Amino acid sequence: MTFPYRPLFLLEAESATIFEIKRLDVQSQNPSNVYFWLYFDKASGQLSQLGFVSMSTEGEVHRREFTQGRLRFDATEGTFEPAGGSQAQALRTVTPPVLPAALETALFAFFT
């Protein structure tokens, strides 16, 4: 199943990709039905949804908190600190945020 979407943010590390999409085919007043933060583990090929908690922006720095950890990023780089004290991942911000074909395939499979 494919659907129209727009990638909003895309951050890459050696072992993972973290990204946010907006579904364009869903009409809802509830943001959790339209916006999705996802975590793609490159080694396993598994895509999982991050449980959104809160967001803030200070100048050029964006912060997102999820049940799985905290994300901080700007126009060039970011850091994801997993909950539970695991080692933080350094990320590279990809601009414009275009999903590679393999990641898009995983995204469509995730929502099927």
N, C-alpha and C. Protein backbone atom coordinates (compact mmCIF):
# COMPACT_ATOMS: atom_id res chain seq x y z
N MET A 1 0.84 -1.17 0.00
CA MET A 1 0.00 0.00 0.00
C MET A 1 0.90 1.24 0.00
N THR A 2 0.69 2.11 -0.93
CA THR A 2 1.40 3.38 -0.93
C THR A 2 0.41 4.48 -0.55
N PHE A 3 0.93 5.59 -0.11
CA PHE A 3 0.09 6.72 0.27
C PHE A 3 0.91 7.99 0.10
N PRO A 4 0.24 9.11 -0.08
CA PRO A 4 0.99 10.36 -0.20
C PRO A 4 1.49 10.81 1.17
N TYR A 5 2.73 11.28 1.20
CA TYR A 5 3.32 11.76 2.45
C TYR A 5 4.36 12.82 2.11
N ARG A 6 4.76 13.55 3.11
CA ARG A 6 5.85 14.51 2.95
C ARG A 6 6.85 14.28 4.08
N PRO A 7 8.11 14.00 3.75
CA PRO A 7 9.12 13.89 4.80
C PRO A 7 9.44 15.28 5.34
N LEU A 8 9.45 15.43 6.66
CA LEU A 8 9.70 16.72 7.29
C LEU A 8 11.13 16.85 7.81
N PHE A 9 11.62 15.79 8.42
CA PHE A 9 12.99 15.75 8.94
C PHE A 9 13.57 14.37 8.65
N LEU A 10 14.88 14.33 8.38
CA LEU A 10 15.57 13.08 8.12
C LEU A 10 16.98 13.18 8.71
N LEU A 11 17.29 12.26 9.63
CA LEU A 11 18.59 12.26 10.30
C LEU A 11 19.18 10.86 10.19
N GLU A 12 20.46 10.79 9.80
CA GLU A 12 21.10 9.50 9.58
C GLU A 12 22.31 9.29 10.47
N ALA A 13 22.48 8.03 10.88
CA ALA A 13 23.68 7.57 11.58
C ALA A 13 24.16 6.32 10.85
N GLU A 14 25.31 5.80 11.25
CA GLU A 14 25.82 4.56 10.64
C GLU A 14 24.80 3.43 10.79
N SER A 15 24.19 3.34 11.97
CA SER A 15 23.35 2.18 12.28
C SER A 15 21.85 2.43 12.19
N ALA A 16 21.44 3.69 12.04
CA ALA A 16 20.00 3.98 12.08
C ALA A 16 19.66 5.25 11.32
N THR A 17 18.38 5.36 11.00
CA THR A 17 17.83 6.58 10.42
C THR A 17 16.60 6.96 11.23
N ILE A 18 16.49 8.23 11.59
CA ILE A 18 15.33 8.74 12.30
C ILE A 18 14.70 9.80 11.41
N PHE A 19 13.38 9.72 11.24
CA PHE A 19 12.72 10.67 10.36
C PHE A 19 11.28 10.94 10.79
N GLU A 20 10.77 12.07 10.33
CA GLU A 20 9.38 12.44 10.57
C GLU A 20 8.68 12.61 9.23
N ILE A 21 7.46 12.07 9.14
CA ILE A 21 6.65 12.27 7.94
C ILE A 21 5.30 12.87 8.34
N LYS A 22 4.69 13.49 7.36
CA LYS A 22 3.31 13.95 7.48
C LYS A 22 2.52 13.20 6.42
N ARG A 23 1.50 12.47 6.87
CA ARG A 23 0.62 11.77 5.92
C ARG A 23 -0.32 12.79 5.31
N LEU A 24 -0.37 12.81 3.99
CA LEU A 24 -1.21 13.77 3.28
C LEU A 24 -2.59 13.22 2.95
N ASP A 25 -2.81 11.94 3.21
CA ASP A 25 -4.09 11.31 2.92
C ASP A 25 -5.00 11.21 4.14
N VAL A 26 -4.56 11.73 5.27
CA VAL A 26 -5.34 11.63 6.52
C VAL A 26 -5.81 13.02 6.91
N GLN A 27 -7.10 13.13 7.11
CA GLN A 27 -7.70 14.38 7.58
C GLN A 27 -8.12 14.17 9.03
N SER A 28 -7.42 14.83 9.94
CA SER A 28 -7.70 14.65 11.36
C SER A 28 -7.25 15.88 12.13
N GLN A 29 -7.98 16.21 13.18
CA GLN A 29 -7.57 17.28 14.07
C GLN A 29 -6.54 16.80 15.08
N ASN A 30 -6.35 15.49 15.16
CA ASN A 30 -5.39 14.89 16.09
C ASN A 30 -4.04 14.73 15.39
N PRO A 31 -3.01 15.48 15.81
CA PRO A 31 -1.70 15.40 15.15
C PRO A 31 -1.10 14.00 15.13
N SER A 32 -1.42 13.16 16.11
CA SER A 32 -0.84 11.81 16.15
C SER A 32 -1.38 10.91 15.04
N ASN A 33 -2.42 11.34 14.35
CA ASN A 33 -2.94 10.59 13.21
C ASN A 33 -2.32 11.05 11.90
N VAL A 34 -1.59 12.16 11.93
CA VAL A 34 -1.06 12.77 10.72
C VAL A 34 0.47 12.76 10.70
N TYR A 35 1.11 13.04 11.83
CA TYR A 35 2.56 13.16 11.93
C TYR A 35 3.13 11.92 12.62
N PHE A 36 4.24 11.40 12.06
CA PHE A 36 4.85 10.19 12.60
C PHE A 36 6.37 10.33 12.62
N TRP A 37 6.96 10.08 13.79
CA TRP A 37 8.41 9.96 13.91
C TRP A 37 8.72 8.48 13.90
N LEU A 38 9.70 8.08 13.07
CA LEU A 38 10.03 6.67 12.91
C LEU A 38 11.54 6.45 13.05
N TYR A 39 11.88 5.25 13.52
CA TYR A 39 13.26 4.85 13.74
C TYR A 39 13.52 3.61 12.89
N PHE A 40 14.50 3.69 12.00
CA PHE A 40 14.85 2.57 11.12
C PHE A 40 16.20 2.02 11.53
N ASP A 41 16.22 0.78 11.98
CA ASP A 41 17.45 0.09 12.35
C ASP A 41 18.03 -0.54 11.08
N LYS A 42 19.16 -0.05 10.63
CA LYS A 42 19.74 -0.49 9.36
C LYS A 42 20.19 -1.95 9.39
N ALA A 43 20.68 -2.43 10.52
CA ALA A 43 21.17 -3.80 10.61
C ALA A 43 20.04 -4.81 10.47
N SER A 44 18.93 -4.57 11.14
CA SER A 44 17.81 -5.52 11.11
C SER A 44 16.79 -5.20 10.02
N GLY A 45 16.81 -3.97 9.52
CA GLY A 45 15.81 -3.57 8.53
C GLY A 45 14.46 -3.29 9.15
N GLN A 46 14.43 -3.17 10.49
CA GLN A 46 13.17 -2.95 11.21
C GLN A 46 12.86 -1.46 11.33
N LEU A 47 11.60 -1.14 11.10
CA LEU A 47 11.11 0.22 11.25
C LEU A 47 10.14 0.24 12.42
N SER A 48 10.33 1.18 13.34
CA SER A 48 9.42 1.28 14.48
C SER A 48 9.04 2.74 14.70
N GLN A 49 7.85 2.92 15.23
CA GLN A 49 7.37 4.26 15.50
C GLN A 49 7.88 4.72 16.86
N LEU A 50 8.35 5.97 16.91
CA LEU A 50 8.77 6.56 18.18
C LEU A 50 7.55 7.15 18.86
N GLY A 51 7.43 6.92 20.16
CA GLY A 51 6.30 7.43 20.94
C GLY A 51 6.52 8.89 21.31
N PHE A 52 5.88 9.79 20.58
CA PHE A 52 6.07 11.23 20.76
C PHE A 52 5.56 11.67 22.13
N VAL A 53 6.39 12.49 22.83
CA VAL A 53 6.03 13.04 24.13
C VAL A 53 5.92 14.56 24.06
N SER A 54 6.98 15.22 23.55
CA SER A 54 6.96 16.68 23.49
C SER A 54 7.98 17.18 22.47
N MET A 55 7.86 18.48 22.15
CA MET A 55 8.79 19.12 21.23
C MET A 55 9.05 20.55 21.66
N SER A 56 10.22 21.06 21.28
CA SER A 56 10.54 22.46 21.49
C SER A 56 11.58 22.88 20.46
N THR A 57 11.65 24.18 20.25
CA THR A 57 12.65 24.75 19.35
C THR A 57 13.21 26.00 20.00
N GLU A 58 14.52 26.07 20.05
CA GLU A 58 15.21 27.25 20.59
C GLU A 58 16.18 27.72 19.52
N GLY A 59 15.83 28.81 18.85
CA GLY A 59 16.66 29.29 17.75
C GLY A 59 16.66 28.26 16.64
N GLU A 60 17.84 27.77 16.30
CA GLU A 60 17.99 26.77 15.23
C GLU A 60 17.97 25.33 15.74
N VAL A 61 17.88 25.15 17.06
CA VAL A 61 17.96 23.82 17.65
C VAL A 61 16.56 23.27 17.95
N HIS A 62 16.30 22.09 17.39
CA HIS A 62 15.03 21.39 17.62
C HIS A 62 15.25 20.30 18.64
N ARG A 63 14.27 20.13 19.51
CA ARG A 63 14.32 19.05 20.51
C ARG A 63 13.00 18.28 20.46
N ARG A 64 13.13 16.96 20.51
CA ARG A 64 11.97 16.09 20.56
C ARG A 64 12.21 15.08 21.66
N GLU A 65 11.17 14.82 22.42
CA GLU A 65 11.25 13.79 23.44
C GLU A 65 10.28 12.69 23.07
N PHE A 66 10.76 11.45 23.14
CA PHE A 66 9.97 10.27 22.83
C PHE A 66 10.04 9.31 24.03
N THR A 67 9.15 8.37 24.09
CA THR A 67 9.23 7.37 25.15
C THR A 67 10.53 6.57 25.03
N GLN A 68 11.09 6.48 23.83
CA GLN A 68 12.32 5.72 23.59
C GLN A 68 13.60 6.54 23.78
N GLY A 69 13.49 7.87 23.95
CA GLY A 69 14.69 8.68 24.13
C GLY A 69 14.48 10.13 23.71
N ARG A 70 15.60 10.87 23.65
CA ARG A 70 15.56 12.29 23.31
C ARG A 70 16.36 12.55 22.04
N LEU A 71 15.83 13.43 21.21
CA LEU A 71 16.46 13.83 19.96
C LEU A 71 16.71 15.32 19.99
N ARG A 72 17.91 15.71 19.60
CA ARG A 72 18.29 17.12 19.48
C ARG A 72 18.97 17.27 18.14
N PHE A 73 18.54 18.27 17.33
CA PHE A 73 19.16 18.44 16.01
C PHE A 73 19.02 19.86 15.52
N ASP A 74 19.90 20.19 14.57
CA ASP A 74 19.83 21.47 13.88
C ASP A 74 19.95 21.19 12.38
N ALA A 75 20.32 22.17 11.60
CA ALA A 75 20.36 22.03 10.14
C ALA A 75 21.45 21.08 9.64
N THR A 76 22.44 20.75 10.47
CA THR A 76 23.54 19.91 9.99
C THR A 76 23.78 18.63 10.78
N GLU A 77 23.44 18.62 12.07
CA GLU A 77 23.74 17.44 12.89
C GLU A 77 22.74 17.29 14.02
N GLY A 78 22.80 16.12 14.65
CA GLY A 78 21.92 15.87 15.77
C GLY A 78 22.46 14.76 16.65
N THR A 79 21.73 14.50 17.74
CA THR A 79 22.07 13.44 18.68
C THR A 79 20.78 12.79 19.16
N PHE A 80 20.78 11.47 19.19
CA PHE A 80 19.67 10.73 19.77
C PHE A 80 20.19 10.01 21.00
N GLU A 81 19.59 10.31 22.16
CA GLU A 81 19.97 9.67 23.42
C GLU A 81 18.87 8.69 23.81
N PRO A 82 19.11 7.39 23.63
CA PRO A 82 18.09 6.40 23.98
C PRO A 82 17.75 6.42 25.47
N ALA A 83 16.50 6.15 25.78
CA ALA A 83 16.08 6.02 27.17
C ALA A 83 16.80 4.81 27.78
N GLY A 84 17.05 4.87 29.04
CA GLY A 84 17.70 3.74 29.71
C GLY A 84 19.21 3.85 29.75
N GLY A 85 19.78 4.96 29.27
CA GLY A 85 21.20 5.19 29.41
C GLY A 85 22.10 4.55 28.37
N SER A 86 21.53 4.03 27.28
CA SER A 86 22.39 3.50 26.21
C SER A 86 23.19 4.64 25.59
N GLN A 87 24.23 4.30 24.86
CA GLN A 87 25.11 5.30 24.26
C GLN A 87 24.36 6.14 23.23
N ALA A 88 24.60 7.45 23.26
CA ALA A 88 23.97 8.38 22.32
C ALA A 88 24.48 8.13 20.91
N GLN A 89 23.62 8.38 19.93
CA GLN A 89 23.99 8.24 18.52
C GLN A 89 24.18 9.61 17.91
N ALA A 90 25.30 9.82 17.23
CA ALA A 90 25.51 11.05 16.47
C ALA A 90 24.80 10.90 15.14
N LEU A 91 24.10 11.95 14.73
CA LEU A 91 23.31 11.93 13.50
C LEU A 91 23.73 13.06 12.57
N ARG A 92 23.48 12.85 11.29
CA ARG A 92 23.71 13.87 10.27
C ARG A 92 22.34 14.25 9.71
N THR A 93 22.04 15.53 9.69
CA THR A 93 20.78 16.01 9.14
C THR A 93 20.85 15.99 7.61
N VAL A 94 19.87 15.36 6.98
CA VAL A 94 19.81 15.29 5.52
C VAL A 94 18.82 16.33 5.02
N THR A 95 19.32 17.24 4.15
CA THR A 95 18.48 18.29 3.61
C THR A 95 18.68 18.35 2.10
N PRO A 96 17.62 18.30 1.32
CA PRO A 96 16.23 18.16 1.73
C PRO A 96 15.97 16.73 2.20
N PRO A 97 14.94 16.55 3.02
CA PRO A 97 14.66 15.23 3.59
C PRO A 97 13.93 14.31 2.60
N VAL A 98 14.69 13.64 1.75
CA VAL A 98 14.12 12.72 0.76
C VAL A 98 14.46 11.30 1.20
N LEU A 99 13.44 10.46 1.36
CA LEU A 99 13.68 9.08 1.80
C LEU A 99 14.26 8.25 0.66
N PRO A 100 15.33 7.51 0.92
CA PRO A 100 15.84 6.56 -0.08
C PRO A 100 14.78 5.51 -0.38
N ALA A 101 14.86 4.89 -1.55
CA ALA A 101 13.85 3.91 -1.99
C ALA A 101 13.64 2.78 -0.99
N ALA A 102 14.73 2.24 -0.42
CA ALA A 102 14.60 1.13 0.53
C ALA A 102 13.86 1.57 1.79
N LEU A 103 14.11 2.78 2.23
CA LEU A 103 13.43 3.30 3.42
C LEU A 103 11.96 3.57 3.12
N GLU A 104 11.67 4.07 1.94
CA GLU A 104 10.28 4.30 1.55
C GLU A 104 9.52 2.98 1.47
N THR A 105 10.15 1.94 0.97
CA THR A 105 9.53 0.61 0.92
C THR A 105 9.20 0.13 2.33
N ALA A 106 10.14 0.30 3.26
CA ALA A 106 9.91 -0.09 4.65
C ALA A 106 8.77 0.74 5.26
N LEU A 107 8.71 2.01 4.91
CA LEU A 107 7.64 2.88 5.42
C LEU A 107 6.27 2.38 4.96
N PHE A 108 6.12 2.09 3.69
CA PHE A 108 4.84 1.61 3.18
C PHE A 108 4.46 0.27 3.79
N ALA A 109 5.45 -0.61 3.98
CA ALA A 109 5.19 -1.92 4.60
C ALA A 109 4.76 -1.73 6.06
N PHE A 110 5.35 -0.77 6.74
CA PHE A 110 5.02 -0.52 8.14
C PHE A 110 3.55 -0.14 8.30
N PHE A 111 3.01 0.65 7.40
CA PHE A 111 1.64 1.10 7.50
C PHE A 111 0.62 0.14 6.88
N THR A 112 1.10 -0.98 6.30
CA THR A 112 0.18 -1.96 5.72
C THR A 112 -0.44 -2.81 6.79
